[in-house]
Amino acid sequence: MSTYTEDNRKVTTRRLIEMKQRGEKISMLTAYDFSMASIIDQAGMDVILVGDSASNVMVGNVTTLPMTLEQMIYHGRSVMNAVKRSLVVVDMPFGTVSGNPLKSLEYAIRMMKETGADAIKVEGGEEVISDIKKIIDAGIPVMGHLGLMPQSINKYGTYNVRAKDQTEADKLLKDALKLQEVGCFGVVLEKIPTELTKQVTSKLSIPTIGIGAGPHADGQVLVVHDMLGINKNFSPKFLRRYADLHSVMTEAVQNYIKDVKTSDFPNEDESY
């Protein structure tokens, strides 16, 4: 199998920082199961995110809020069973990091122990900075997440672009610097103006990963079902589709149905 990279060394958090330092962009995609993670890892992906977006694309929920710690552990373990090279980051689901540092650490330790993941991702800035510091001080690598934070959808009331006004933009930059200060190895910037991404990225020594945040981040992340065209009902401006697997899969299933109905499958060569 051909891959984008011939470097098969395990990707580490330190390596991501080194990639930023030399201006090499960081590739990141979501995965939630063994089969998809195997393909993404073997293709040469730098980072695999076991996102709580599993709530939407795997379970069919409207928001990410229903995902439980147990569900994220299940998906995280499934991905880790497949991955040899990519850095694997697992989302801490809604309610597990929420202003109680000791409890947050307990949940984070369980996530790391039961998945074998390389790191976790936490949404939020100043509000959860003490939780994040506690987790990092215990030896667990943390990636931050600022801008649009899907776990706070009931607070925002919308999935529109965040930090368009100066007050919110200033807070985002301040939060990003705090995340770096307490030891985060990177930060996701979701749906913010491209110029703000450029500013934040230039101020940080840790990498920024954008989603709907323009080209100036140190890397990019997308939901794999979206970029492969499996989910045709989600078409935000920032999404580029690299395949139309919805059509390919639909045609394959329909051909299977036809072959079964017409007794064409199985044939003599496919029988014992």
Protein backbone atom coordinates (compact mmCIF):
# COMPACT_ATOMS: atom_id res chain seq x y z
CA MET A 1 0.00 0.00 0.00
CA SER A 2 1.38 3.41 -0.96
CA THR A 3 1.43 6.10 1.71
CA TYR A 4 2.05 9.83 1.71
CA THR A 5 4.96 9.45 4.08
CA GLU A 6 7.78 6.95 4.21
CA ASP A 7 8.46 7.87 7.85
CA ASN A 8 6.79 5.11 9.83
CA ARG A 9 7.97 6.27 13.25
CA LYS A 10 5.20 6.68 15.81
CA VAL A 11 3.97 10.29 15.85
CA THR A 12 4.37 11.96 19.25
CA THR A 13 3.21 15.23 20.77
CA ARG A 14 6.80 16.46 20.65
CA ARG A 15 6.99 15.66 16.96
CA LEU A 16 3.94 17.86 16.27
CA ILE A 17 5.69 20.80 17.92
CA GLU A 18 8.78 20.10 15.81
CA MET A 19 6.59 20.05 12.69
CA LYS A 20 5.31 23.53 13.55
CA GLN A 21 8.87 24.75 14.09
CA ARG A 22 9.94 23.68 10.60
CA GLY A 23 6.71 24.81 8.94
CA GLU A 24 5.39 21.34 8.10
CA LYS A 25 1.59 21.18 8.09
CA ILE A 26 -0.14 18.65 10.36
CA SER A 27 -2.85 16.36 8.97
CA MET A 28 -5.66 15.20 11.25
CA LEU A 29 -8.88 13.23 10.67
CA THR A 30 -11.47 11.64 12.91
CA ALA A 31 -11.98 7.90 13.25
CA TYR A 32 -14.29 5.92 15.50
CA ASP A 33 -13.75 2.25 14.61
CA PHE A 34 -11.02 -0.28 13.82
CA SER A 35 -11.55 -0.54 10.06
CA MET A 36 -11.59 3.18 9.31
CA ALA A 37 -8.70 3.86 11.68
CA SER A 38 -6.62 1.17 9.94
CA ILE A 39 -7.05 2.86 6.57
CA ILE A 40 -6.34 6.35 7.89
CA ASP A 41 -3.27 5.23 9.83
CA GLN A 42 -1.81 3.26 6.91
CA ALA A 43 -2.42 6.24 4.59
CA GLY A 44 0.05 8.26 6.67
CA MET A 45 -2.17 10.52 8.79
CA ASP A 46 -0.30 12.47 11.46
CA VAL A 47 -3.12 12.59 14.04
CA ILE A 48 -6.34 10.64 14.47
CA LEU A 49 -9.02 12.26 16.60
CA VAL A 50 -11.54 9.97 18.24
CA GLY A 51 -14.05 12.78 18.36
CA ASP A 52 -17.27 13.09 20.29
CA SER A 53 -18.63 13.84 16.81
CA ALA A 54 -19.25 10.08 16.94
CA SER A 55 -22.47 11.21 18.57
CA ASN A 56 -23.56 12.67 15.23
CA VAL A 57 -22.07 10.40 12.57
CA MET A 58 -22.09 7.04 14.38
CA VAL A 59 -25.14 7.30 16.63
CA GLY A 60 -27.34 9.86 14.86
CA ASN A 61 -27.70 12.38 17.67
CA VAL A 62 -28.25 16.05 16.82
CA THR A 63 -25.51 17.25 19.21
CA THR A 64 -22.38 15.83 20.84
CA LEU A 65 -23.84 16.22 24.33
CA PRO A 66 -25.26 12.69 24.78
CA MET A 67 -21.87 10.96 24.43
CA THR A 68 -20.78 9.25 27.64
CA LEU A 69 -17.33 8.46 28.96
CA GLU A 70 -18.03 4.76 28.40
CA GLN A 71 -18.97 5.35 24.76
CA MET A 72 -15.83 7.39 24.11
CA ILE A 73 -13.72 4.68 25.76
CA TYR A 74 -15.33 2.09 23.46
CA HIS A 75 -14.53 4.10 20.33
CA GLY A 76 -11.06 5.02 21.59
CA ARG A 77 -10.13 1.42 22.28
CA SER A 78 -11.45 0.36 18.86
CA VAL A 79 -9.22 2.93 17.14
CA MET A 80 -6.16 2.12 19.25
CA ASN A 81 -6.48 -1.54 18.28
CA ALA A 82 -5.81 -0.47 14.68
CA VAL A 83 -3.24 2.30 14.87
CA LYS A 84 0.50 1.78 14.55
CA ARG A 85 1.83 5.23 13.57
CA SER A 86 -0.66 8.10 13.99
CA LEU A 87 -0.93 10.04 17.25
CA VAL A 88 -4.36 9.19 18.70
CA VAL A 89 -6.25 11.88 20.61
CA VAL A 90 -9.59 11.12 22.30
CA ASP A 91 -12.21 13.74 23.12
CA MET A 92 -13.25 14.10 26.74
CA PRO A 93 -17.06 14.14 26.46
CA PHE A 94 -19.43 16.77 27.81
CA GLY A 95 -19.51 16.92 31.61
CA THR A 96 -16.21 15.15 32.28
CA VAL A 97 -14.08 18.32 32.48
CA SER A 98 -16.21 20.99 34.09
CA GLY A 99 -14.50 22.87 36.91
CA ASN A 100 -13.72 20.06 39.34
CA PRO A 101 -10.00 19.32 38.81
CA LEU A 102 -9.85 16.15 40.90
CA LYS A 103 -12.93 14.65 39.22
CA SER A 104 -11.67 15.71 35.79
CA LEU A 105 -8.34 14.00 36.49
CA GLU A 106 -10.15 10.84 37.55
CA TYR A 107 -12.06 10.77 34.25
CA ALA A 108 -8.93 11.56 32.23
CA ILE A 109 -6.95 8.77 33.90
CA ARG A 110 -9.74 6.33 33.16
CA MET A 111 -9.83 7.44 29.52
CA MET A 112 -6.09 6.93 29.11
CA LYS A 113 -5.99 3.60 30.98
CA GLU A 114 -8.98 2.02 29.23
CA THR A 115 -8.26 3.23 25.68
CA GLY A 116 -4.48 3.27 25.56
CA ALA A 117 -4.74 6.60 23.73
CA ASP A 118 -1.79 8.95 23.31
CA ALA A 119 -3.60 12.10 24.49
CA ILE A 120 -6.98 13.67 25.20
CA LYS A 121 -8.71 16.79 23.88
CA VAL A 122 -10.61 19.20 26.11
CA GLU A 123 -12.97 21.99 25.03
CA GLY A 124 -12.75 25.32 26.84
CA GLY A 125 -10.40 28.02 28.03
CA GLU A 126 -10.13 29.89 31.30
CA GLU A 127 -13.23 28.14 32.68
CA VAL A 128 -11.47 24.77 32.74
CA ILE A 129 -7.82 25.83 32.89
CA SER A 130 -7.37 24.49 36.44
CA ASP A 131 -8.77 21.11 35.33
CA ILE A 132 -6.42 20.99 32.35
CA LYS A 133 -3.40 21.90 34.48
CA LYS A 134 -4.26 19.16 36.97
CA ILE A 135 -4.51 16.61 34.16
CA ILE A 136 -1.25 17.68 32.50
CA ASP A 137 0.58 17.75 35.84
CA ALA A 138 -0.41 14.10 36.24
CA GLY A 139 1.41 13.26 33.01
CA ILE A 140 -1.50 13.19 30.56
CA PRO A 141 -1.00 15.13 27.29
CA VAL A 142 -3.85 17.53 26.50
CA MET A 143 -4.90 19.24 23.29
CA GLY A 144 -7.09 22.30 23.79
CA HIS A 145 -10.12 23.37 21.75
CA LEU A 146 -11.27 26.99 21.32
CA GLY A 147 -13.63 28.96 19.08
CA LEU A 148 -16.84 27.12 18.31
CA MET A 149 -17.15 24.48 21.01
CA PRO A 150 -19.93 22.01 20.14
CA GLN A 151 -20.31 20.90 23.78
CA SER A 152 -21.44 24.47 24.56
CA ILE A 153 -24.12 24.59 21.84
CA ASN A 154 -26.87 25.28 24.39
CA LYS A 155 -24.87 28.29 25.59
CA TYR A 156 -24.26 29.64 22.07
CA GLY A 157 -27.57 28.61 20.53
CA THR A 158 -25.93 28.45 17.09
CA TYR A 159 -23.07 26.86 15.18
CA ASN A 160 -22.12 30.17 13.55
CA VAL A 161 -18.56 31.51 13.31
CA ARG A 162 -17.18 32.56 16.71
CA ALA A 163 -14.88 35.42 17.81
CA LYS A 164 -15.95 37.84 15.09
CA ASP A 165 -16.05 40.72 17.58
CA GLN A 166 -12.91 42.08 19.23
CA THR A 167 -13.91 41.18 22.79
CA GLU A 168 -14.38 37.50 22.01
CA ALA A 169 -11.29 37.46 19.78
CA ASP A 170 -9.17 38.93 22.59
CA LYS A 171 -10.50 36.31 25.01
CA LEU A 172 -9.74 33.50 22.58
CA LEU A 173 -6.13 34.64 22.18
CA LYS A 174 -5.79 34.99 25.95
CA ASP A 175 -7.22 31.50 26.46
CA ALA A 176 -4.88 30.04 23.83
CA LEU A 177 -1.87 31.53 25.61
CA LYS A 178 -3.12 30.13 28.93
CA LEU A 179 -3.53 26.67 27.42
CA GLN A 180 0.04 26.85 26.19
CA GLU A 181 1.25 28.12 29.58
CA VAL A 182 -0.23 25.17 31.49
CA GLY A 183 1.34 22.69 29.07
CA CYS A 184 -1.09 21.85 26.25
CA PHE A 185 0.76 20.43 23.24
CA GLY A 186 -1.66 21.92 20.71
CA VAL A 187 -5.04 23.57 20.27
CA VAL A 188 -7.94 23.11 17.85
CA LEU A 189 -9.42 26.35 16.51
CA GLU A 190 -12.95 25.80 15.21
CA LYS A 191 -14.93 28.19 12.99
CA ILE A 192 -13.14 31.46 13.68
CA PRO A 193 -12.05 34.22 11.24
CA THR A 194 -8.94 33.37 9.24
CA GLU A 195 -7.07 36.49 10.38
CA LEU A 196 -7.62 35.54 14.03
CA THR A 197 -6.26 32.07 13.29
CA LYS A 198 -3.20 33.70 11.75
CA GLN A 199 -2.71 35.90 14.82
CA VAL A 200 -3.13 33.07 17.34
CA THR A 201 -0.88 30.72 15.36
CA SER A 202 1.89 33.33 15.22
CA LYS A 203 1.69 33.93 18.99
CA LEU A 204 1.89 30.27 20.00
CA SER A 205 4.86 27.93 20.02
CA ILE A 206 2.48 24.94 20.10
CA PRO A 207 0.62 23.91 16.92
CA THR A 208 -2.87 25.09 16.02
CA ILE A 209 -5.23 22.74 14.19
CA GLY A 210 -7.99 24.43 12.24
CA ILE A 211 -11.47 23.35 11.24
CA GLY A 212 -13.32 26.09 9.44
CA ALA A 213 -10.55 28.46 10.55
CA GLY A 214 -8.76 29.18 7.28
CA PRO A 215 -5.34 28.22 5.88
CA HIS A 216 -3.08 29.82 8.48
CA ALA A 217 -3.35 27.12 11.18
CA ASP A 218 -0.44 24.72 11.59
CA GLY A 219 -2.71 21.84 10.59
CA GLN A 220 -6.24 20.91 9.57
CA VAL A 221 -8.85 18.46 10.84
CA LEU A 222 -12.09 17.22 9.30
CA VAL A 223 -14.69 14.60 10.21
CA VAL A 224 -13.85 11.60 8.03
CA HIS A 225 -17.47 10.85 7.13
CA ASP A 226 -17.83 14.40 5.82
CA MET A 227 -14.65 14.54 3.72
CA LEU A 228 -15.31 11.10 2.23
CA GLY A 229 -18.83 12.10 1.22
CA ILE A 230 -20.54 9.43 3.31
CA ASN A 231 -22.72 12.05 4.98
CA LYS A 232 -24.39 14.09 2.22
CA ASN A 233 -26.59 16.14 4.55
CA PHE A 234 -23.78 18.29 5.97
CA SER A 235 -22.27 20.90 3.66
CA PRO A 236 -20.61 23.78 5.55
CA LYS A 237 -18.49 26.28 3.66
CA PHE A 238 -15.25 24.90 5.10
CA LEU A 239 -15.81 21.29 3.98
CA ARG A 240 -13.98 19.88 0.97
CA ARG A 241 -15.20 16.45 -0.14
CA TYR A 242 -12.50 14.13 -1.44
CA ALA A 243 -14.86 11.33 -2.50
CA ASP A 244 -18.54 10.52 -2.97
CA LEU A 245 -18.71 7.31 -0.98
CA HIS A 246 -22.44 7.76 -0.36
CA SER A 247 -23.08 7.10 -4.06
CA VAL A 248 -20.45 4.36 -4.31
CA MET A 249 -21.80 2.52 -1.26
CA THR A 250 -25.43 2.94 -2.32
CA GLU A 251 -24.68 1.47 -5.75
CA ALA A 252 -22.78 -1.46 -4.22
CA VAL A 253 -25.63 -2.27 -1.82
CA GLN A 254 -28.20 -2.03 -4.61
CA ASN A 255 -26.12 -4.35 -6.81
CA TYR A 256 -25.92 -6.84 -3.95
CA ILE A 257 -29.71 -6.71 -3.48
CA LYS A 258 -30.23 -7.28 -7.22
CA ASP A 259 -27.83 -10.22 -7.32
CA VAL A 260 -29.50 -11.88 -4.32
CA LYS A 261 -33.01 -11.34 -5.72
CA THR A 262 -32.04 -12.78 -9.12
CA SER A 263 -30.11 -15.73 -7.60
CA ASP A 264 -26.93 -14.48 -9.25
CA PHE A 265 -25.19 -14.50 -5.86
CA PRO A 266 -23.71 -16.80 -4.79
CA ASN A 267 -22.65 -18.53 -7.99
CA GLU A 268 -20.82 -21.84 -8.39
CA ASP A 269 -17.38 -20.28 -7.84
CA GLU A 270 -18.59 -18.75 -4.57
CA SER A 271 -19.98 -22.02 -3.22
CA TYR A 272 -18.34 -24.98 -1.45
